[in-house]
Amino acid sequence: MPYEWLPPQNGETRLHLWPYRSLPRRGMVWFLSITISLIALPLAALIGTLALWGLLPFLLAAIAGIWWALNRSFRDGEILEDLTLSETELTLTHHGRKGVQTWAANPHWVRIILHSSSGPVPNYLTLQGGPREVELGAFLSPAERLQLRAELQDALQSHR
């Protein structure tokens, strides 16, 4: 699961959520190295010909495109959501590319809403209990959002 409940500290329960990573940075380096090697292998036969110079810009553009797409994926995946639940306050802090966004509400008034089919994605999970409604775990799968809702409901009940 791309989330974990941390051990309680000072009466606070904490939850960390992050996007699933199927390819670590080290895997990206290996993938790019193998791809470059496989592209360069047939080019060895073209060394010294005009055909090499005709193909080279397109192959370099393909490698640059793969590198750019993988880097973009890593930057998009640097999201972290931190939910802190205490007796008096529930705080959700979203660390993303656009900076840090924080939402807080009294846990006695917070409702966990699961939009089964009316949200932008299946099992859209939101928290409501203040001036606005916030999304929780946008990067989780529908099954993970269902499980998270049940666990979060239990945590809220224990703090009430």
C-alpha atoms as a PDB file:
ATOM      1  CA  MET A   1       0.000   0.000   0.000  1.00  0.00           C
ATOM      2  CA  PRO A   2       1.349   3.434  -0.791  1.00  0.00           C
ATOM      3  CA  TYR A   3       0.340   4.751   2.621  1.00  0.00           C
ATOM      4  CA  GLU A   4       1.266   3.963   6.195  1.00  0.00           C
ATOM      5  CA  TRP A   5      -0.046   4.740   9.659  1.00  0.00           C
ATOM      6  CA  LEU A   6       2.773   5.955  11.876  1.00  0.00           C
ATOM      7  CA  PRO A   7       2.941   5.064  15.570  1.00  0.00           C
ATOM      8  CA  PRO A   8       0.951   7.559  17.698  1.00  0.00           C
ATOM      9  CA  GLN A   9       2.960  10.368  19.300  1.00  0.00           C
ATOM     10  CA  ASN A  10       1.659  12.794  21.930  1.00  0.00           C
ATOM     11  CA  GLY A  11      -1.927  11.661  21.320  1.00  0.00           C
ATOM     12  CA  GLU A  12      -1.656  12.317  17.563  1.00  0.00           C
ATOM     13  CA  THR A  13      -2.223   9.732  14.865  1.00  0.00           C
ATOM     14  CA  ARG A  14      -0.378  10.308  11.600  1.00  0.00           C
ATOM     15  CA  LEU A  15      -0.918   8.950   8.126  1.00  0.00           C
ATOM     16  CA  HIS A  16       1.514   9.332   5.215  1.00  0.00           C
ATOM     17  CA  LEU A  17       0.331   8.823   1.624  1.00  0.00           C
ATOM     18  CA  TRP A  18       2.480   8.788  -1.501  1.00  0.00           C
ATOM     19  CA  PRO A  19       2.102   7.665  -5.134  1.00  0.00           C
ATOM     20  CA  TYR A  20       3.137   4.149  -6.087  1.00  0.00           C
ATOM     21  CA  ARG A  21       6.506   3.937  -7.832  1.00  0.00           C
ATOM     22  CA  SER A  22       6.973   1.001 -10.186  1.00  0.00           C
ATOM     23  CA  LEU A  23      10.353   2.217 -11.463  1.00  0.00           C
ATOM     24  CA  PRO A  24      12.951   3.575  -9.026  1.00  0.00           C
ATOM     25  CA  ARG A  25      15.683   6.002 -10.161  1.00  0.00           C
ATOM     26  CA  ARG A  26      18.179   3.173 -10.328  1.00  0.00           C
ATOM     27  CA  GLY A  27      15.823   1.270 -12.638  1.00  0.00           C
ATOM     28  CA  MET A  28      15.517   4.349 -14.832  1.00  0.00           C
ATOM     29  CA  VAL A  29      19.299   4.480 -15.260  1.00  0.00           C
ATOM     30  CA  TRP A  30      19.377   0.792 -16.184  1.00  0.00           C
ATOM     31  CA  PHE A  31      16.479   1.190 -18.622  1.00  0.00           C
ATOM     32  CA  LEU A  32      18.096   4.161 -20.364  1.00  0.00           C
ATOM     33  CA  SER A  33      21.495   2.422 -20.494  1.00  0.00           C
ATOM     34  CA  ILE A  34      20.027  -0.711 -22.074  1.00  0.00           C
ATOM     35  CA  THR A  35      17.925   1.331 -24.509  1.00  0.00           C
ATOM     36  CA  ILE A  36      20.920   3.394 -25.620  1.00  0.00           C
ATOM     37  CA  SER A  37      23.003   0.226 -26.019  1.00  0.00           C
ATOM     38  CA  LEU A  38      20.336  -1.491 -28.107  1.00  0.00           C
ATOM     39  CA  ILE A  39      19.973   1.584 -30.322  1.00  0.00           C
ATOM     40  CA  ALA A  40      23.754   1.994 -30.713  1.00  0.00           C
ATOM     41  CA  LEU A  41      24.395  -1.663 -31.591  1.00  0.00           C
ATOM     42  CA  PRO A  42      22.918  -1.554 -35.130  1.00  0.00           C
ATOM     43  CA  LEU A  43      24.425   1.911 -35.671  1.00  0.00           C
ATOM     44  CA  ALA A  44      27.916   0.401 -35.450  1.00  0.00           C
ATOM     45  CA  ALA A  45      27.430  -0.972 -38.968  1.00  0.00           C
ATOM     46  CA  LEU A  46      26.677   2.531 -40.236  1.00  0.00           C
ATOM     47  CA  ILE A  47      29.813   4.219 -38.898  1.00  0.00           C
ATOM     48  CA  GLY A  48      31.490   6.230 -41.647  1.00  0.00           C
ATOM     49  CA  THR A  49      28.395   6.449 -43.845  1.00  0.00           C
ATOM     50  CA  LEU A  50      26.037   9.291 -44.557  1.00  0.00           C
ATOM     51  CA  ALA A  51      23.101   7.178 -43.335  1.00  0.00           C
ATOM     52  CA  LEU A  52      24.420   7.417 -39.753  1.00  0.00           C
ATOM     53  CA  TRP A  53      24.118  11.207 -39.809  1.00  0.00           C
ATOM     54  CA  GLY A  54      20.617  10.926 -41.258  1.00  0.00           C
ATOM     55  CA  LEU A  55      19.413   8.559 -38.516  1.00  0.00           C
ATOM     56  CA  LEU A  56      21.335   9.979 -35.549  1.00  0.00           C
ATOM     57  CA  PRO A  57      19.162  13.086 -34.878  1.00  0.00           C
ATOM     58  CA  PHE A  58      15.982  10.989 -34.781  1.00  0.00           C
ATOM     59  CA  LEU A  59      17.494   8.392 -32.457  1.00  0.00           C
ATOM     60  CA  LEU A  60      18.852  11.083 -30.132  1.00  0.00           C
ATOM     61  CA  ALA A  61      15.432  12.765 -30.120  1.00  0.00           C
ATOM     62  CA  ALA A  62      13.816   9.442 -29.176  1.00  0.00           C
ATOM     63  CA  ILE A  63      16.270   8.938 -26.292  1.00  0.00           C
ATOM     64  CA  ALA A  64      15.776  12.541 -25.128  1.00  0.00           C
ATOM     65  CA  GLY A  65      11.995  12.033 -25.245  1.00  0.00           C
ATOM     66  CA  ILE A  66      12.207   8.885 -23.127  1.00  0.00           C
ATOM     67  CA  TRP A  67      14.487  10.646 -20.631  1.00  0.00           C
ATOM     68  CA  TRP A  68      12.155  13.669 -20.445  1.00  0.00           C
ATOM     69  CA  ALA A  69       9.047  11.489 -19.949  1.00  0.00           C
ATOM     70  CA  LEU A  70      10.659   9.441 -17.164  1.00  0.00           C
ATOM     71  CA  ASN A  71      11.937  12.584 -15.407  1.00  0.00           C
ATOM     72  CA  ARG A  72       8.479  14.156 -15.659  1.00  0.00           C
ATOM     73  CA  SER A  73       6.981  11.025 -14.139  1.00  0.00           C
ATOM     74  CA  PHE A  74       9.411  11.244 -11.219  1.00  0.00           C
ATOM     75  CA  ARG A  75       8.629  14.922 -10.609  1.00  0.00           C
ATOM     76  CA  ASP A  76       4.888  14.233 -10.701  1.00  0.00           C
ATOM     77  CA  GLY A  77       5.391  11.396  -8.235  1.00  0.00           C
ATOM     78  CA  GLU A  78       7.038  13.567  -5.585  1.00  0.00           C
ATOM     79  CA  ILE A  79       3.675  14.119  -3.932  1.00  0.00           C
ATOM     80  CA  LEU A  80       3.294  13.466  -0.221  1.00  0.00           C
ATOM     81  CA  GLU A  81       0.126  13.829   1.797  1.00  0.00           C
ATOM     82  CA  ASP A  82       0.415  13.970   5.569  1.00  0.00           C
ATOM     83  CA  LEU A  83      -2.731  13.602   7.668  1.00  0.00           C
ATOM     84  CA  THR A  84      -2.445  14.376  11.392  1.00  0.00           C
ATOM     85  CA  LEU A  85      -5.327  13.504  13.696  1.00  0.00           C
ATOM     86  CA  SER A  86      -5.479  14.764  17.275  1.00  0.00           C
ATOM     87  CA  GLU A  87      -8.265  15.302  19.803  1.00  0.00           C
ATOM     88  CA  THR A  88      -8.874  18.871  18.663  1.00  0.00           C
ATOM     89  CA  GLU A  89      -7.779  19.044  15.027  1.00  0.00           C
ATOM     90  CA  LEU A  90      -7.476  17.034  11.833  1.00  0.00           C
ATOM     91  CA  THR A  91      -4.857  18.483   9.498  1.00  0.00           C
ATOM     92  CA  LEU A  92      -4.149  17.446   5.919  1.00  0.00           C
ATOM     93  CA  THR A  93      -0.919  18.776   4.401  1.00  0.00           C
ATOM     94  CA  HIS A  94      -0.326  18.213   0.687  1.00  0.00           C
ATOM     95  CA  HIS A  95       3.288  18.560  -0.486  1.00  0.00           C
ATOM     96  CA  GLY A  96       3.299  18.777  -4.279  1.00  0.00           C
ATOM     97  CA  ARG A  97       4.894  20.515  -7.227  1.00  0.00           C
ATOM     98  CA  LYS A  98       2.802  23.620  -6.566  1.00  0.00           C
ATOM     99  CA  GLY A  99       4.080  23.922  -3.005  1.00  0.00           C
ATOM    100  CA  VAL A 100       2.521  23.049   0.320  1.00  0.00           C
ATOM    101  CA  GLN A 101      -1.233  23.252   0.838  1.00  0.00           C
ATOM    102  CA  THR A 102      -2.820  22.757   4.251  1.00  0.00           C
ATOM    103  CA  TRP A 103      -6.388  22.042   5.325  1.00  0.00           C
ATOM    104  CA  ALA A 104      -7.561  21.769   8.931  1.00  0.00           C
ATOM    105  CA  ALA A 105     -10.859  21.054  10.656  1.00  0.00           C
ATOM    106  CA  ASN A 106     -12.288  19.878  13.955  1.00  0.00           C
ATOM    107  CA  PRO A 107     -12.348  16.048  13.878  1.00  0.00           C
ATOM    108  CA  HIS A 108     -15.820  15.976  15.455  1.00  0.00           C
ATOM    109  CA  TRP A 109     -17.256  17.661  12.363  1.00  0.00           C
ATOM    110  CA  VAL A 110     -15.193  15.922   9.686  1.00  0.00           C
ATOM    111  CA  ARG A 111     -17.076  13.617   7.354  1.00  0.00           C
ATOM    112  CA  ILE A 112     -15.359  11.123   5.081  1.00  0.00           C
ATOM    113  CA  ILE A 113     -17.228  11.052   1.802  1.00  0.00           C
ATOM    114  CA  LEU A 114     -16.763   8.361  -0.818  1.00  0.00           C
ATOM    115  CA  HIS A 115     -18.160   9.343  -4.222  1.00  0.00           C
ATOM    116  CA  SER A 116     -18.632   5.906  -5.795  1.00  0.00           C
ATOM    117  CA  SER A 117     -19.437   7.074  -9.292  1.00  0.00           C
ATOM    118  CA  SER A 118     -20.067  10.825  -9.179  1.00  0.00           C
ATOM    119  CA  GLY A 119     -16.423  11.880  -8.759  1.00  0.00           C
ATOM    120  CA  PRO A 120     -13.744  12.356 -11.414  1.00  0.00           C
ATOM    121  CA  VAL A 121     -12.438   8.842 -10.655  1.00  0.00           C
ATOM    122  CA  PRO A 122     -14.090   5.724  -9.207  1.00  0.00           C
ATOM    123  CA  ASN A 123     -14.285   5.765  -5.391  1.00  0.00           C
ATOM    124  CA  TYR A 124     -13.313   9.432  -5.147  1.00  0.00           C
ATOM    125  CA  LEU A 125     -12.445  10.079  -1.481  1.00  0.00           C
ATOM    126  CA  THR A 126     -12.901  13.487   0.145  1.00  0.00           C
ATOM    127  CA  LEU A 127     -12.871  15.022   3.605  1.00  0.00           C
ATOM    128  CA  GLN A 128     -15.503  17.598   4.500  1.00  0.00           C
ATOM    129  CA  GLY A 129     -15.634  19.532   7.721  1.00  0.00           C
ATOM    130  CA  GLY A 130     -14.705  23.109   7.259  1.00  0.00           C
ATOM    131  CA  PRO A 131     -15.065  25.832   4.708  1.00  0.00           C
ATOM    132  CA  ARG A 132     -14.231  23.446   1.861  1.00  0.00           C
ATOM    133  CA  GLU A 133     -14.050  19.826   0.817  1.00  0.00           C
ATOM    134  CA  VAL A 134     -10.614  18.336   0.079  1.00  0.00           C
ATOM    135  CA  GLU A 135      -9.543  15.300  -1.873  1.00  0.00           C
ATOM    136  CA  LEU A 136      -7.530  12.578  -0.161  1.00  0.00           C
ATOM    137  CA  GLY A 137      -5.270  10.108  -1.968  1.00  0.00           C
ATOM    138  CA  ALA A 138      -5.959  11.107  -5.563  1.00  0.00           C
ATOM    139  CA  PHE A 139      -3.088   8.867  -6.665  1.00  0.00           C
ATOM    140  CA  LEU A 140      -4.441   5.737  -4.930  1.00  0.00           C
ATOM    141  CA  SER A 141      -6.285   2.987  -6.774  1.00  0.00           C
ATOM    142  CA  PRO A 142     -10.063   2.636  -6.223  1.00  0.00           C
ATOM    143  CA  ALA A 143      -9.562  -0.441  -4.012  1.00  0.00           C
ATOM    144  CA  GLU A 144      -6.938   1.370  -1.922  1.00  0.00           C
ATOM    145  CA  ARG A 145      -9.274   4.348  -1.454  1.00  0.00           C
ATOM    146  CA  LEU A 146     -11.995   1.976  -0.197  1.00  0.00           C
ATOM    147  CA  GLN A 147      -9.605   0.417   2.302  1.00  0.00           C
ATOM    148  CA  LEU A 148      -8.266   3.808   3.375  1.00  0.00           C
ATOM    149  CA  ARG A 149     -11.805   5.076   3.979  1.00  0.00           C
ATOM    150  CA  ALA A 150     -12.526   2.187   6.366  1.00  0.00           C
ATOM    151  CA  GLU A 151      -9.240   2.674   8.245  1.00  0.00           C
ATOM    152  CA  LEU A 152      -9.721   6.444   8.443  1.00  0.00           C
ATOM    153  CA  GLN A 153     -13.291   5.992   9.682  1.00  0.00           C
ATOM    154  CA  ASP A 154     -11.984   3.754  12.490  1.00  0.00           C
ATOM    155  CA  ALA A 155      -9.267   6.268  13.401  1.00  0.00           C
ATOM    156  CA  LEU A 156     -11.790   9.104  13.530  1.00  0.00           C
ATOM    157  CA  GLN A 157     -14.131   7.053  15.730  1.00  0.00           C
ATOM    158  CA  SER A 158     -11.333   6.282  18.173  1.00  0.00           C
ATOM    159  CA  HIS A 159     -10.475  10.001  18.490  1.00  0.00           C
ATOM    160  CA  ARG A 160     -14.067  11.092  19.011  1.00  0.00           C
END
